[in-house]
C-alpha atoms as a PDB file:
ATOM      1  CA  MET A   1       8.787  -2.170 -38.529  1.00  0.00           C
ATOM      2  CA  GLY A   2       9.028  -4.792 -35.830  1.00  0.00           C
ATOM      3  CA  SER A   3       8.613  -4.336 -32.113  1.00  0.00           C
ATOM      4  CA  THR A   4      11.751  -4.205 -30.074  1.00  0.00           C
ATOM      5  CA  GLY A   5      10.081  -5.477 -26.930  1.00  0.00           C
ATOM      6  CA  SER A   6      11.689  -2.655 -25.036  1.00  0.00           C
ATOM      7  CA  SER A   7      10.070  -1.503 -21.805  1.00  0.00           C
ATOM      8  CA  ASN A   8      10.344   2.013 -23.225  1.00  0.00           C
ATOM      9  CA  GLU A   9       7.952   1.318 -26.127  1.00  0.00           C
ATOM     10  CA  GLY A  10       5.426   4.125 -26.441  1.00  0.00           C
ATOM     11  CA  ARG A  11       7.761   6.677 -24.873  1.00  0.00           C
ATOM     12  CA  PRO A  12       9.881   8.892 -27.099  1.00  0.00           C
ATOM     13  CA  ALA A  13      13.494   7.578 -27.439  1.00  0.00           C
ATOM     14  CA  GLY A  14      16.030   9.131 -25.130  1.00  0.00           C
ATOM     15  CA  THR A  15      13.489  10.660 -22.726  1.00  0.00           C
ATOM     16  CA  ARG A  16      12.688   9.963 -19.116  1.00  0.00           C
ATOM     17  CA  ASP A  17       9.358  10.324 -17.417  1.00  0.00           C
ATOM     18  CA  ARG A  18       9.393  13.606 -15.496  1.00  0.00           C
ATOM     19  CA  ASP A  19       6.854  15.470 -13.397  1.00  0.00           C
ATOM     20  CA  SER A  20       5.987  19.152 -13.830  1.00  0.00           C
ATOM     21  CA  GLU A  21       8.961  20.078 -11.617  1.00  0.00           C
ATOM     22  CA  GLY A  22      11.430  17.984 -13.625  1.00  0.00           C
ATOM     23  CA  ARG A  23      11.778  15.132 -11.106  1.00  0.00           C
ATOM     24  CA  ALA A  24      12.048  11.638 -12.556  1.00  0.00           C
ATOM     25  CA  ARG A  25       8.736   9.772 -12.322  1.00  0.00           C
ATOM     26  CA  ASN A  26       7.791   6.431 -13.803  1.00  0.00           C
ATOM     27  CA  ALA A  27       4.701   7.020 -15.871  1.00  0.00           C
ATOM     28  CA  ARG A  28       4.290   3.428 -17.019  1.00  0.00           C
ATOM     29  CA  PRO A  29       0.846   2.021 -16.531  1.00  0.00           C
ATOM     30  CA  ARG A  30       0.455  -0.294 -13.539  1.00  0.00           C
ATOM     31  CA  ASP A  31      -1.690  -3.274 -12.715  1.00  0.00           C
ATOM     32  CA  GLY A  32      -3.864  -3.524  -9.620  1.00  0.00           C
ATOM     33  CA  LEU A  33      -0.932  -4.608  -7.482  1.00  0.00           C
ATOM     34  CA  GLY A  34       1.256  -1.727  -8.712  1.00  0.00           C
ATOM     35  CA  ARG A  35       3.401  -3.807 -11.091  1.00  0.00           C
ATOM     36  CA  PRO A  36       4.578  -1.846 -14.144  1.00  0.00           C
ATOM     37  CA  LEU A  37       3.017  -2.788 -17.477  1.00  0.00           C
ATOM     38  CA  PRO A  38       4.395  -2.002 -20.914  1.00  0.00           C
ATOM     39  CA  TYR A  39       3.879   1.549 -22.222  1.00  0.00           C
ATOM     40  CA  GLY A  40       0.686   1.752 -24.229  1.00  0.00           C
ATOM     41  CA  THR A  41      -1.066  -0.861 -22.136  1.00  0.00           C
ATOM     42  CA  ASP A  42      -4.253  -0.040 -20.243  1.00  0.00           C
ATOM     43  CA  GLY A  43      -3.505  -0.165 -16.556  1.00  0.00           C
ATOM     44  CA  VAL A  44      -5.296   0.638 -13.367  1.00  0.00           C
ATOM     45  CA  PRO A  45      -5.540   4.384 -12.708  1.00  0.00           C
ATOM     46  CA  ARG A  46      -2.779   5.394 -10.308  1.00  0.00           C
ATOM     47  CA  GLN A  47      -3.346   7.303  -7.091  1.00  0.00           C
ATOM     48  CA  PRO A  48      -2.276  10.900  -7.495  1.00  0.00           C
ATOM     49  CA  GLU A  49       0.723  11.679  -5.314  1.00  0.00           C
ATOM     50  CA  GLY A  50       0.852  14.391  -2.677  1.00  0.00           C
ATOM     51  CA  VAL A  51      -2.871  14.604  -2.024  1.00  0.00           C
ATOM     52  CA  VAL A  52      -3.670  16.163   1.297  1.00  0.00           C
ATOM     53  CA  ARG A  53      -6.684  14.411   2.815  1.00  0.00           C
ATOM     54  CA  THR A  54      -8.335  14.590   6.196  1.00  0.00           C
ATOM     55  CA  PRO A  55      -7.692  11.501   8.333  1.00  0.00           C
ATOM     56  CA  GLU A  56     -11.283  10.426   7.681  1.00  0.00           C
ATOM     57  CA  GLU A  57     -10.822  10.690   3.913  1.00  0.00           C
ATOM     58  CA  THR A  58      -7.527   8.803   4.217  1.00  0.00           C
ATOM     59  CA  VAL A  59      -9.121   5.864   6.119  1.00  0.00           C
ATOM     60  CA  VAL A  60     -12.145   5.681   3.816  1.00  0.00           C
ATOM     61  CA  GLU A  61     -10.057   5.873   0.588  1.00  0.00           C
ATOM     62  CA  ALA A  62      -7.480   3.366   1.817  1.00  0.00           C
ATOM     63  CA  GLN A  63     -10.209   0.915   2.930  1.00  0.00           C
ATOM     64  CA  ARG A  64     -11.928   1.211  -0.455  1.00  0.00           C
ATOM     65  CA  LEU A  65      -8.676   0.385  -2.251  1.00  0.00           C
ATOM     66  CA  LEU A  66      -7.868  -2.488   0.067  1.00  0.00           C
ATOM     67  CA  ASP A  67     -11.325  -3.964  -0.457  1.00  0.00           C
ATOM     68  CA  GLU A  68     -10.817  -3.656  -4.211  1.00  0.00           C
ATOM     69  CA  GLY A  69      -7.584  -5.695  -3.934  1.00  0.00           C
ATOM     70  CA  LYS A  70      -5.339  -2.674  -4.562  1.00  0.00           C
ATOM     71  CA  PRO A  71      -3.076  -2.540  -1.509  1.00  0.00           C
ATOM     72  CA  PHE A  72      -0.298  -0.867  -3.508  1.00  0.00           C
ATOM     73  CA  HIS A  73      -2.585   2.069  -4.135  1.00  0.00           C
ATOM     74  CA  ALA A  74      -3.791   2.084  -0.534  1.00  0.00           C
ATOM     75  CA  HIS A  75      -0.143   2.374   0.551  1.00  0.00           C
ATOM     76  CA  GLU A  76       0.171   5.521  -1.576  1.00  0.00           C
ATOM     77  CA  VAL A  77      -2.828   7.007   0.301  1.00  0.00           C
ATOM     78  CA  PHE A  78      -1.258   6.170   3.657  1.00  0.00           C
ATOM     79  CA  GLU A  79       2.064   7.590   2.427  1.00  0.00           C
ATOM     80  CA  ASP A  80       0.422  10.883   1.556  1.00  0.00           C
ATOM     81  CA  ALA A  81      -1.017  11.005   5.107  1.00  0.00           C
ATOM     82  CA  TRP A  82       2.339  10.365   6.646  1.00  0.00           C
ATOM     83  CA  LYS A  83       4.006  13.033   4.542  1.00  0.00           C
ATOM     84  CA  SER A  84       1.283  15.701   4.890  1.00  0.00           C
ATOM     85  CA  GLY A  85      -0.160  14.957   8.324  1.00  0.00           C
ATOM     86  CA  PRO A  86       0.979  16.108  11.735  1.00  0.00           C
ATOM     87  CA  ASP A  87       4.367  14.873  12.890  1.00  0.00           C
ATOM     88  CA  THR A  88       2.680  13.288  15.925  1.00  0.00           C
ATOM     89  CA  GLU A  89       0.896  10.795  13.562  1.00  0.00           C
ATOM     90  CA  ARG A  90       3.699  10.158  11.150  1.00  0.00           C
ATOM     91  CA  GLU A  91       4.584   6.722  12.556  1.00  0.00           C
ATOM     92  CA  LEU A  92       0.984   5.570  12.575  1.00  0.00           C
ATOM     93  CA  TRP A  93       0.494   6.306   8.853  1.00  0.00           C
ATOM     94  CA  ARG A  94       3.925   4.884   8.045  1.00  0.00           C
ATOM     95  CA  GLY A  95       3.125   1.651   9.842  1.00  0.00           C
ATOM     96  CA  LEU A  96      -0.219   1.376   7.971  1.00  0.00           C
ATOM     97  CA  ALA A  97       1.626   2.048   4.656  1.00  0.00           C
ATOM     98  CA  GLN A  98       4.041  -0.813   5.501  1.00  0.00           C
ATOM     99  CA  LEU A  99       1.060  -3.129   6.181  1.00  0.00           C
ATOM    100  CA  ALA A 100      -0.380  -2.264   2.756  1.00  0.00           C
ATOM    101  CA  VAL A 101       2.954  -2.868   1.049  1.00  0.00           C
ATOM    102  CA  GLY A 102       3.306  -6.155   2.952  1.00  0.00           C
ATOM    103  CA  LEU A 103      -0.067  -7.244   1.605  1.00  0.00           C
ATOM    104  CA  THR A 104       1.049  -6.091  -1.842  1.00  0.00           C
ATOM    105  CA  HIS A 105       4.162  -8.237  -1.728  1.00  0.00           C
ATOM    106  CA  THR A 106       2.362 -11.324  -0.428  1.00  0.00           C
ATOM    107  CA  ALA A 107      -0.137 -10.954  -3.297  1.00  0.00           C
ATOM    108  CA  ARG A 108       2.676 -10.506  -5.855  1.00  0.00           C
ATOM    109  CA  GLY A 109       4.467 -13.638  -4.584  1.00  0.00           C
ATOM    110  CA  ASN A 110       7.324 -11.960  -2.692  1.00  0.00           C
ATOM    111  CA  LEU A 111       6.475 -13.904   0.430  1.00  0.00           C
ATOM    112  CA  THR A 112       9.598 -13.236   2.463  1.00  0.00           C
ATOM    113  CA  GLY A 113       9.467  -9.496   1.906  1.00  0.00           C
ATOM    114  CA  GLY A 114       5.722  -9.396   2.431  1.00  0.00           C
ATOM    115  CA  VAL A 115       5.885 -11.239   5.746  1.00  0.00           C
ATOM    116  CA  ARG A 116       8.724  -8.947   6.922  1.00  0.00           C
ATOM    117  CA  LEU A 117       6.732  -5.790   6.048  1.00  0.00           C
ATOM    118  CA  LEU A 118       3.510  -7.093   7.619  1.00  0.00           C
ATOM    119  CA  ARG A 119       5.337  -7.679  10.885  1.00  0.00           C
ATOM    120  CA  ARG A 120       7.239  -4.419  10.775  1.00  0.00           C
ATOM    121  CA  GLY A 121       4.065  -2.435   9.983  1.00  0.00           C
ATOM    122  CA  ALA A 122       2.164  -4.179  12.801  1.00  0.00           C
ATOM    123  CA  GLY A 123       4.959  -3.349  15.283  1.00  0.00           C
ATOM    124  CA  ALA A 124       5.205   0.272  14.093  1.00  0.00           C
ATOM    125  CA  ALA A 125       1.437   0.863  14.382  1.00  0.00           C
ATOM    126  CA  GLU A 126       1.285  -0.774  17.780  1.00  0.00           C
ATOM    127  CA  ALA A 127       4.322   1.189  19.046  1.00  0.00           C
ATOM    128  CA  TRP A 128       2.622   4.434  17.895  1.00  0.00           C
ATOM    129  CA  ALA A 129      -0.653   3.472  19.581  1.00  0.00           C
ATOM    130  CA  SER A 130       1.154   2.573  22.809  1.00  0.00           C
ATOM    131  CA  GLY A 131       3.233   5.755  22.818  1.00  0.00           C
ATOM    132  CA  SER A 132       0.299   8.013  22.001  1.00  0.00           C
ATOM    133  CA  GLY A 133      -2.226   6.299  24.273  1.00  0.00           C
ATOM    134  CA  GLU A 134      -4.714   6.144  21.360  1.00  0.00           C
ATOM    135  CA  ALA A 135      -6.019   2.664  20.651  1.00  0.00           C
ATOM    136  CA  THR A 136      -8.399   3.743  17.927  1.00  0.00           C
ATOM    137  CA  PRO A 137      -6.983   6.807  16.199  1.00  0.00           C
ATOM    138  CA  HIS A 138      -9.459   8.139  13.625  1.00  0.00           C
ATOM    139  CA  GLY A 139     -11.544   4.986  14.279  1.00  0.00           C
ATOM    140  CA  ILE A 140      -8.691   2.635  13.237  1.00  0.00           C
ATOM    141  CA  ASP A 141      -8.585  -0.415  15.530  1.00  0.00           C
ATOM    142  CA  VAL A 142      -4.792  -0.625  15.675  1.00  0.00           C
ATOM    143  CA  ALA A 143      -4.719  -3.828  17.782  1.00  0.00           C
ATOM    144  CA  SER A 144      -7.079  -5.677  15.451  1.00  0.00           C
ATOM    145  CA  VAL A 145      -5.216  -4.505  12.316  1.00  0.00           C
ATOM    146  CA  ALA A 146      -1.883  -5.572  13.860  1.00  0.00           C
ATOM    147  CA  ALA A 147      -3.384  -8.952  14.754  1.00  0.00           C
ATOM    148  CA  TRP A 148      -4.633  -9.329  11.140  1.00  0.00           C
ATOM    149  CA  ALA A 149      -1.125  -8.570   9.858  1.00  0.00           C
ATOM    150  CA  ARG A 150       0.521 -11.117  12.107  1.00  0.00           C
ATOM    151  CA  GLU A 151      -2.058 -13.734  11.274  1.00  0.00           C
ATOM    152  CA  LEU A 152      -1.609 -13.187   7.568  1.00  0.00           C
ATOM    153  CA  ALA A 153       2.162 -13.377   7.969  1.00  0.00           C
ATOM    154  CA  GLU A 154       1.834 -16.728   9.779  1.00  0.00           C
ATOM    155  CA  ASP A 155      -0.577 -18.039   7.098  1.00  0.00           C
ATOM    156  CA  VAL A 156       1.778 -17.025   4.304  1.00  0.00           C
ATOM    157  CA  GLU A 157       4.742 -18.660   5.977  1.00  0.00           C
ATOM    158  CA  ARG A 158       2.798 -21.845   6.731  1.00  0.00           C
ATOM    159  CA  GLU A 159       1.194 -22.158   3.306  1.00  0.00           C
ATOM    160  CA  GLY A 160       4.101 -20.826   1.243  1.00  0.00           C
ATOM    161  CA  ARG A 161       1.978 -19.203  -1.450  1.00  0.00           C
ATOM    162  CA  SER A 162       0.719 -15.792  -2.471  1.00  0.00           C
ATOM    163  CA  VAL A 163      -2.649 -14.492  -1.364  1.00  0.00           C
ATOM    164  CA  ASP A 164      -5.620 -12.790  -2.977  1.00  0.00           C
ATOM    165  CA  ALA A 165      -5.201  -9.173  -1.786  1.00  0.00           C
ATOM    166  CA  GLY A 166      -8.896  -8.346  -1.893  1.00  0.00           C
ATOM    167  CA  ALA A 167      -9.926 -11.499  -0.075  1.00  0.00           C
ATOM    168  CA  ARG A 168      -7.326 -10.976   2.621  1.00  0.00           C
ATOM    169  CA  ALA A 169      -7.762  -7.206   3.024  1.00  0.00           C
ATOM    170  CA  PRO A 170      -7.936  -5.913   6.621  1.00  0.00           C
ATOM    171  CA  ARG A 171     -10.817  -3.965   8.104  1.00  0.00           C
ATOM    172  CA  LEU A 172      -9.282  -0.780   9.423  1.00  0.00           C
ATOM    173  CA  ARG A 173     -12.195   0.009  11.713  1.00  0.00           C
ATOM    174  CA  GLY A 174     -14.056  -2.194  14.099  1.00  0.00           C
ATOM    175  CA  SER A 175     -13.409  -5.544  15.683  1.00  0.00           C
ATOM    176  CA  ASP A 176     -13.630  -7.290  12.320  1.00  0.00           C
ATOM    177  CA  ALA A 177     -10.139  -6.098  11.262  1.00  0.00           C
ATOM    178  CA  GLY A 178      -9.118  -9.616  10.174  1.00  0.00           C
ATOM    179  CA  CYS A 179     -10.557 -11.298   7.113  1.00  0.00           C
END
């Protein structure tokens, strides 16, 4: 029996990945940048969805993932914070999630999309900080992180090539936000 090469290999024919509530979910394994791999392949463990963390836990977990070169997974941590946190912080976490996705895209080679998301996320985080009057919410140095994002966007545009996500990961806290 030969392999069909189908992306559905390893999954029963005619079925869709579903969560416990019946919603469609893609259960394919993923690589470190969140790209889907064929069924049956060993991938990087995915971040569980819908985890409610304290802001401290969110920042620590996201920084760990960024440092490991897993910005796609860090974006999922920020996304959980934006969905479960207080409405007053929604735009902060959403902006940080956009920055992580921007880094993901620049590492995957989608340079135009990555640059756009880096700039959008920087603007969103800065707008939140300006509107809230909090320059370092939960210890996050918003101005330094935004500067990191804009510098990375400029570097990617100038050099025209993808980046190493771990090597270019931001520092969320402190004045050393850029790498």
